[in-house]
Amino acid sequence: MKLSVRKNDEVQVIAGRDRGKTGRVLRVLPEKGRVVVEGVNLIKRHTKANPQKQVKGGIIEREAAIHASNVMLVDPDSSKPTRVEHKTLENKTRVRIARRSGSVLDK
């Protein structure tokens, strides 16, 4: 599955329990079509202590994956969600462009 979001992109959740929240993409799972967003879709994980790996036991809250169709990239100019367009420049490099403002998203 081809995804239009990459690691460290700023995205906004457009559907689901956390609709309206924004966050940074921590991980992209293209084979499952999912992304992990900072501060979104928090789950409680019960972990057992493991002194050999320096893991403390208890209840840990962490981010779970959310489907990529439920997030939209945030336009850097207007700070609103935008669709993404792929374009090839004159020097044969492929870049992502925000449809809302037309600005280039790749550095």
Protein backbone atom coordinates (compact mmCIF):
# COMPACT_ATOMS: atom_id res chain seq x y z
CA MET A 1 0.00 0.00 0.00
CA LYS A 2 1.41 3.39 -1.01
CA LEU A 3 1.11 5.94 1.80
CA SER A 4 1.40 9.71 1.47
CA VAL A 5 2.66 10.22 5.03
CA ARG A 6 6.21 9.71 6.26
CA LYS A 7 7.97 9.61 9.59
CA ASN A 8 8.11 12.99 11.41
CA ASP A 9 5.22 14.44 9.34
CA GLU A 10 2.63 16.52 11.20
CA VAL A 11 -0.81 14.92 10.75
CA GLN A 12 -4.35 15.47 11.97
CA VAL A 13 -6.78 12.65 12.80
CA ILE A 14 -9.94 13.02 10.69
CA ALA A 15 -11.93 9.99 11.90
CA GLY A 16 -12.34 7.85 14.97
CA ARG A 17 -12.12 8.32 18.72
CA ASP A 18 -9.29 10.88 18.54
CA ARG A 19 -10.76 13.02 15.73
CA GLY A 20 -9.32 16.54 15.64
CA LYS A 21 -6.06 15.69 17.42
CA THR A 22 -2.76 16.51 15.75
CA GLY A 23 0.57 14.85 16.26
CA ARG A 24 3.85 13.78 14.74
CA VAL A 25 4.16 10.44 12.92
CA LEU A 26 6.45 8.17 14.96
CA ARG A 27 6.32 5.08 12.73
CA VAL A 28 4.86 4.08 9.36
CA LEU A 29 3.74 0.49 8.75
CA PRO A 30 3.18 0.38 4.95
CA GLU A 31 2.55 -3.38 4.79
CA LYS A 32 -0.44 -2.95 7.13
CA GLY A 33 -1.47 0.53 5.91
CA ARG A 34 -1.12 2.01 9.40
CA VAL A 35 0.76 4.80 11.16
CA VAL A 36 1.68 5.45 14.79
CA VAL A 37 0.99 9.08 15.79
CA GLU A 38 2.34 10.76 18.91
CA GLY A 39 -0.37 11.20 21.57
CA VAL A 40 -3.11 9.51 19.51
CA ASN A 41 -4.85 6.14 20.09
CA LEU A 42 -3.33 5.58 23.52
CA ILE A 43 -3.62 2.09 24.98
CA LYS A 44 -2.73 0.69 28.39
CA ARG A 45 -0.25 -2.16 28.28
CA HIS A 46 0.24 -4.45 31.31
CA THR A 47 3.91 -5.40 31.40
CA LYS A 48 5.78 -7.89 33.54
CA ALA A 49 9.05 -6.76 35.13
CA ASN A 50 12.23 -8.03 33.44
CA PRO A 51 15.36 -7.00 35.38
CA GLN A 52 17.71 -8.37 32.68
CA LYS A 53 16.34 -5.91 30.09
CA GLN A 54 15.83 -3.09 32.65
CA VAL A 55 12.05 -3.19 32.09
CA LYS A 56 9.87 -2.10 34.99
CA GLY A 57 6.57 -3.84 35.53
CA GLY A 58 3.21 -2.12 35.72
CA ILE A 59 0.70 -0.44 33.46
CA ILE A 60 2.30 1.52 30.64
CA GLU A 61 0.38 3.89 28.37
CA ARG A 62 1.62 4.03 24.78
CA GLU A 63 0.48 4.80 21.24
CA ALA A 64 -1.08 2.11 19.08
CA ALA A 65 -1.26 2.14 15.27
CA ILE A 66 -4.11 3.93 13.50
CA HIS A 67 -5.21 3.34 9.91
CA ALA A 68 -3.53 5.69 7.43
CA SER A 69 -6.88 6.65 5.87
CA ASN A 70 -7.90 8.22 9.19
CA VAL A 71 -5.12 10.82 9.14
CA MET A 72 -4.40 13.78 6.87
CA LEU A 73 -1.19 15.70 6.46
CA VAL A 74 -1.18 19.19 7.99
CA ASP A 75 -0.34 22.01 5.56
CA PRO A 76 2.75 23.86 6.86
CA ASP A 77 1.41 27.22 5.60
CA SER A 78 -2.18 27.20 6.89
CA SER A 79 -1.92 24.54 9.65
CA LYS A 80 -5.03 22.84 8.24
CA PRO A 81 -5.36 19.29 6.88
CA THR A 82 -4.59 18.92 3.19
CA ARG A 83 -4.50 16.31 0.47
CA VAL A 84 -1.15 15.36 -1.03
CA GLU A 85 -0.07 15.53 -4.66
CA HIS A 86 3.02 13.81 -6.07
CA LYS A 87 4.99 15.64 -8.74
CA THR A 88 8.27 15.16 -10.59
CA LEU A 89 10.39 18.30 -10.82
CA GLU A 90 12.63 19.31 -13.74
CA ASN A 91 15.68 17.72 -12.07
CA LYS A 92 13.85 14.32 -11.96
CA THR A 93 13.20 14.37 -8.20
CA ARG A 94 9.78 13.31 -6.90
CA VAL A 95 8.28 15.59 -4.25
CA ARG A 96 5.05 15.78 -2.27
CA ILE A 97 2.99 18.95 -2.66
CA ALA A 98 0.19 20.20 -0.39
CA ARG A 99 -3.00 20.60 -2.43
CA ARG A 100 -4.32 23.38 -0.14
CA SER A 101 -1.41 25.82 -0.56
CA GLY A 102 0.76 24.30 -3.29
CA SER A 103 3.86 24.30 -1.08
CA VAL A 104 6.45 21.53 -1.30
CA LEU A 105 6.35 19.21 1.73
CA ASP A 106 9.70 17.46 1.20
CA LYS A 107 12.83 19.22 2.33
